[in-house]
Amino acid sequence: MSADYSQVASDQLDALEQCPDPGLYSAVLDTIDLIFRVPGQAQALSTAITTADGIRMRLPVIGHPPFKVFWSTDGPRIEAVFPHPG
Protein backbone atom coordinates (compact mmCIF):
# COMPACT_ATOMS: atom_id res chain seq x y z
CA MET A 1 0.00 0.00 0.00
CA SER A 2 1.27 3.44 -0.93
CA ALA A 3 1.34 6.33 1.54
CA ASP A 4 -0.83 8.11 -1.04
CA TYR A 5 -3.78 5.87 -0.08
CA SER A 6 -5.33 4.90 3.25
CA GLN A 7 -5.86 1.17 3.84
CA VAL A 8 -9.62 1.83 3.62
CA ALA A 9 -9.26 3.46 0.20
CA SER A 10 -6.93 0.73 -1.02
CA ASP A 11 -9.44 -1.97 -0.01
CA GLN A 12 -12.33 -0.04 -1.58
CA LEU A 13 -10.43 0.39 -4.86
CA ASP A 14 -9.62 -3.33 -4.94
CA ALA A 15 -13.34 -4.09 -4.54
CA LEU A 16 -14.33 -1.56 -7.23
CA GLU A 17 -11.84 -3.10 -9.64
CA GLN A 18 -13.84 -6.34 -9.38
CA CYS A 19 -17.29 -4.72 -9.73
CA PRO A 20 -19.37 -5.48 -12.83
CA ASP A 21 -19.20 -1.83 -14.01
CA PRO A 22 -15.70 -1.22 -15.44
CA GLY A 23 -16.74 2.34 -16.31
CA LEU A 24 -17.15 3.13 -12.62
CA TYR A 25 -13.64 1.92 -11.77
CA SER A 26 -12.19 3.87 -14.69
CA ALA A 27 -14.05 7.05 -13.65
CA VAL A 28 -12.80 6.67 -10.06
CA LEU A 29 -9.22 6.36 -11.36
CA ASP A 30 -9.73 9.49 -13.49
CA THR A 31 -10.95 11.36 -10.41
CA ILE A 32 -7.95 10.22 -8.39
CA ASP A 33 -5.63 11.20 -11.24
CA LEU A 34 -7.09 14.71 -11.19
CA ILE A 35 -6.47 14.95 -7.44
CA PHE A 36 -2.80 13.96 -7.81
CA ARG A 37 -2.09 15.97 -11.00
CA VAL A 38 -3.81 19.25 -10.11
CA PRO A 39 -4.76 19.22 -6.44
CA GLY A 40 -5.65 22.92 -6.44
CA GLN A 41 -8.22 22.42 -9.19
CA ALA A 42 -9.50 19.25 -7.51
CA GLN A 43 -9.89 21.17 -4.26
CA ALA A 44 -11.85 23.91 -6.04
CA LEU A 45 -14.22 21.24 -7.41
CA SER A 46 -14.59 19.51 -4.03
CA THR A 47 -16.68 20.20 -0.97
CA ALA A 48 -15.11 20.06 2.48
CA ILE A 49 -16.52 17.96 5.29
CA THR A 50 -15.39 17.65 8.88
CA THR A 51 -14.65 14.16 10.17
CA ALA A 52 -13.22 12.78 13.40
CA ASP A 53 -9.86 12.71 11.57
CA GLY A 54 -10.08 16.32 10.40
CA ILE A 55 -11.23 18.06 7.24
CA ARG A 56 -11.63 15.87 4.17
CA MET A 57 -12.36 16.94 0.63
CA ARG A 58 -15.21 15.19 -1.19
CA LEU A 59 -14.96 15.08 -4.99
CA PRO A 60 -17.78 13.57 -7.08
CA VAL A 61 -16.95 10.82 -9.57
CA ILE A 62 -18.18 12.23 -12.89
CA GLY A 63 -20.95 10.16 -14.46
CA HIS A 64 -21.35 7.91 -11.43
CA PRO A 65 -23.41 9.61 -8.76
CA PRO A 66 -23.49 9.18 -5.81
CA PHE A 67 -19.85 7.92 -5.77
CA LYS A 68 -17.32 10.31 -4.24
CA VAL A 69 -13.58 10.25 -3.62
CA PHE A 70 -12.69 11.48 -0.14
CA TRP A 71 -9.20 12.89 0.16
CA SER A 72 -6.98 15.01 2.37
CA THR A 73 -4.88 17.87 1.09
CA ASP A 74 -1.83 16.56 2.97
CA GLY A 75 0.09 14.90 0.20
CA PRO A 76 -2.61 14.72 -1.25
CA ARG A 77 -3.84 11.39 0.10
CA ILE A 78 -6.87 9.34 -0.95
CA GLU A 79 -8.85 8.43 2.18
CA ALA A 80 -11.97 6.61 0.88
CA VAL A 81 -14.14 5.93 -2.18
CA PHE A 82 -17.82 5.10 -1.79
CA PRO A 83 -21.38 6.22 -2.63
CA HIS A 84 -22.29 9.26 -0.56
CA PRO A 85 -25.29 11.59 -0.89
CA GLY A 86 -24.84 15.27 -1.51
C-alpha atoms as a PDB file:
ATOM      1  CA  MET A   1       0.000   0.000   0.000  1.00  0.00           C
ATOM      2  CA  SER A   2       1.271   3.438  -0.925  1.00  0.00           C
ATOM      3  CA  ALA A   3       1.344   6.326   1.540  1.00  0.00           C
ATOM      4  CA  ASP A   4      -0.830   8.113  -1.041  1.00  0.00           C
ATOM      5  CA  TYR A   5      -3.780   5.871  -0.078  1.00  0.00           C
ATOM      6  CA  SER A   6      -5.328   4.900   3.246  1.00  0.00           C
ATOM      7  CA  GLN A   7      -5.865   1.175   3.843  1.00  0.00           C
ATOM      8  CA  VAL A   8      -9.617   1.827   3.622  1.00  0.00           C
ATOM      9  CA  ALA A   9      -9.259   3.463   0.203  1.00  0.00           C
ATOM     10  CA  SER A  10      -6.929   0.731  -1.025  1.00  0.00           C
ATOM     11  CA  ASP A  11      -9.438  -1.966  -0.014  1.00  0.00           C
ATOM     12  CA  GLN A  12     -12.327  -0.045  -1.578  1.00  0.00           C
ATOM     13  CA  LEU A  13     -10.426   0.389  -4.856  1.00  0.00           C
ATOM     14  CA  ASP A  14      -9.617  -3.334  -4.943  1.00  0.00           C
ATOM     15  CA  ALA A  15     -13.345  -4.085  -4.543  1.00  0.00           C
ATOM     16  CA  LEU A  16     -14.327  -1.559  -7.227  1.00  0.00           C
ATOM     17  CA  GLU A  17     -11.841  -3.103  -9.644  1.00  0.00           C
ATOM     18  CA  GLN A  18     -13.843  -6.345  -9.385  1.00  0.00           C
ATOM     19  CA  CYS A  19     -17.287  -4.724  -9.735  1.00  0.00           C
ATOM     20  CA  PRO A  20     -19.373  -5.477 -12.828  1.00  0.00           C
ATOM     21  CA  ASP A  21     -19.196  -1.828 -14.011  1.00  0.00           C
ATOM     22  CA  PRO A  22     -15.702  -1.223 -15.438  1.00  0.00           C
ATOM     23  CA  GLY A  23     -16.739   2.336 -16.308  1.00  0.00           C
ATOM     24  CA  LEU A  24     -17.149   3.135 -12.615  1.00  0.00           C
ATOM     25  CA  TYR A  25     -13.641   1.921 -11.769  1.00  0.00           C
ATOM     26  CA  SER A  26     -12.189   3.874 -14.686  1.00  0.00           C
ATOM     27  CA  ALA A  27     -14.054   7.048 -13.648  1.00  0.00           C
ATOM     28  CA  VAL A  28     -12.800   6.671 -10.063  1.00  0.00           C
ATOM     29  CA  LEU A  29      -9.218   6.355 -11.356  1.00  0.00           C
ATOM     30  CA  ASP A  30      -9.726   9.485 -13.491  1.00  0.00           C
ATOM     31  CA  THR A  31     -10.948  11.361 -10.412  1.00  0.00           C
ATOM     32  CA  ILE A  32      -7.947  10.216  -8.385  1.00  0.00           C
ATOM     33  CA  ASP A  33      -5.625  11.196 -11.242  1.00  0.00           C
ATOM     34  CA  LEU A  34      -7.087  14.714 -11.190  1.00  0.00           C
ATOM     35  CA  ILE A  35      -6.468  14.947  -7.438  1.00  0.00           C
ATOM     36  CA  PHE A  36      -2.795  13.959  -7.811  1.00  0.00           C
ATOM     37  CA  ARG A  37      -2.086  15.968 -10.998  1.00  0.00           C
ATOM     38  CA  VAL A  38      -3.807  19.249 -10.115  1.00  0.00           C
ATOM     39  CA  PRO A  39      -4.762  19.221  -6.438  1.00  0.00           C
ATOM     40  CA  GLY A  40      -5.648  22.916  -6.445  1.00  0.00           C
ATOM     41  CA  GLN A  41      -8.224  22.421  -9.192  1.00  0.00           C
ATOM     42  CA  ALA A  42      -9.501  19.249  -7.511  1.00  0.00           C
ATOM     43  CA  GLN A  43      -9.893  21.168  -4.257  1.00  0.00           C
ATOM     44  CA  ALA A  44     -11.850  23.908  -6.039  1.00  0.00           C
ATOM     45  CA  LEU A  45     -14.223  21.235  -7.410  1.00  0.00           C
ATOM     46  CA  SER A  46     -14.586  19.510  -4.025  1.00  0.00           C
ATOM     47  CA  THR A  47     -16.677  20.197  -0.969  1.00  0.00           C
ATOM     48  CA  ALA A  48     -15.109  20.060   2.475  1.00  0.00           C
ATOM     49  CA  ILE A  49     -16.521  17.961   5.292  1.00  0.00           C
ATOM     50  CA  THR A  50     -15.385  17.651   8.882  1.00  0.00           C
ATOM     51  CA  THR A  51     -14.653  14.157  10.171  1.00  0.00           C
ATOM     52  CA  ALA A  52     -13.223  12.782  13.399  1.00  0.00           C
ATOM     53  CA  ASP A  53      -9.859  12.708  11.572  1.00  0.00           C
ATOM     54  CA  GLY A  54     -10.077  16.320  10.397  1.00  0.00           C
ATOM     55  CA  ILE A  55     -11.232  18.059   7.242  1.00  0.00           C
ATOM     56  CA  ARG A  56     -11.628  15.870   4.172  1.00  0.00           C
ATOM     57  CA  MET A  57     -12.356  16.939   0.630  1.00  0.00           C
ATOM     58  CA  ARG A  58     -15.210  15.193  -1.194  1.00  0.00           C
ATOM     59  CA  LEU A  59     -14.956  15.081  -4.991  1.00  0.00           C
ATOM     60  CA  PRO A  60     -17.782  13.574  -7.080  1.00  0.00           C
ATOM     61  CA  VAL A  61     -16.952  10.825  -9.565  1.00  0.00           C
ATOM     62  CA  ILE A  62     -18.176  12.232 -12.892  1.00  0.00           C
ATOM     63  CA  GLY A  63     -20.945  10.164 -14.462  1.00  0.00           C
ATOM     64  CA  HIS A  64     -21.354   7.913 -11.429  1.00  0.00           C
ATOM     65  CA  PRO A  65     -23.409   9.613  -8.756  1.00  0.00           C
ATOM     66  CA  PRO A  66     -23.490   9.183  -5.806  1.00  0.00           C
ATOM     67  CA  PHE A  67     -19.846   7.924  -5.775  1.00  0.00           C
ATOM     68  CA  LYS A  68     -17.320  10.312  -4.239  1.00  0.00           C
ATOM     69  CA  VAL A  69     -13.583  10.250  -3.617  1.00  0.00           C
ATOM     70  CA  PHE A  70     -12.692  11.484  -0.138  1.00  0.00           C
ATOM     71  CA  TRP A  71      -9.202  12.894   0.163  1.00  0.00           C
ATOM     72  CA  SER A  72      -6.982  15.006   2.368  1.00  0.00           C
ATOM     73  CA  THR A  73      -4.878  17.870   1.091  1.00  0.00           C
ATOM     74  CA  ASP A  74      -1.829  16.556   2.970  1.00  0.00           C
ATOM     75  CA  GLY A  75       0.086  14.902   0.203  1.00  0.00           C
ATOM     76  CA  PRO A  76      -2.612  14.723  -1.251  1.00  0.00           C
ATOM     77  CA  ARG A  77      -3.839  11.387   0.103  1.00  0.00           C
ATOM     78  CA  ILE A  78      -6.873   9.343  -0.946  1.00  0.00           C
ATOM     79  CA  GLU A  79      -8.848   8.435   2.182  1.00  0.00           C
ATOM     80  CA  ALA A  80     -11.965   6.610   0.881  1.00  0.00           C
ATOM     81  CA  VAL A  81     -14.143   5.932  -2.177  1.00  0.00           C
ATOM     82  CA  PHE A  82     -17.823   5.098  -1.791  1.00  0.00           C
ATOM     83  CA  PRO A  83     -21.385   6.217  -2.631  1.00  0.00           C
ATOM     84  CA  HIS A  84     -22.292   9.263  -0.555  1.00  0.00           C
ATOM     85  CA  PRO A  85     -25.292  11.591  -0.894  1.00  0.00           C
ATOM     86  CA  GLY A  86     -24.841  15.270  -1.510  1.00  0.00           C
END
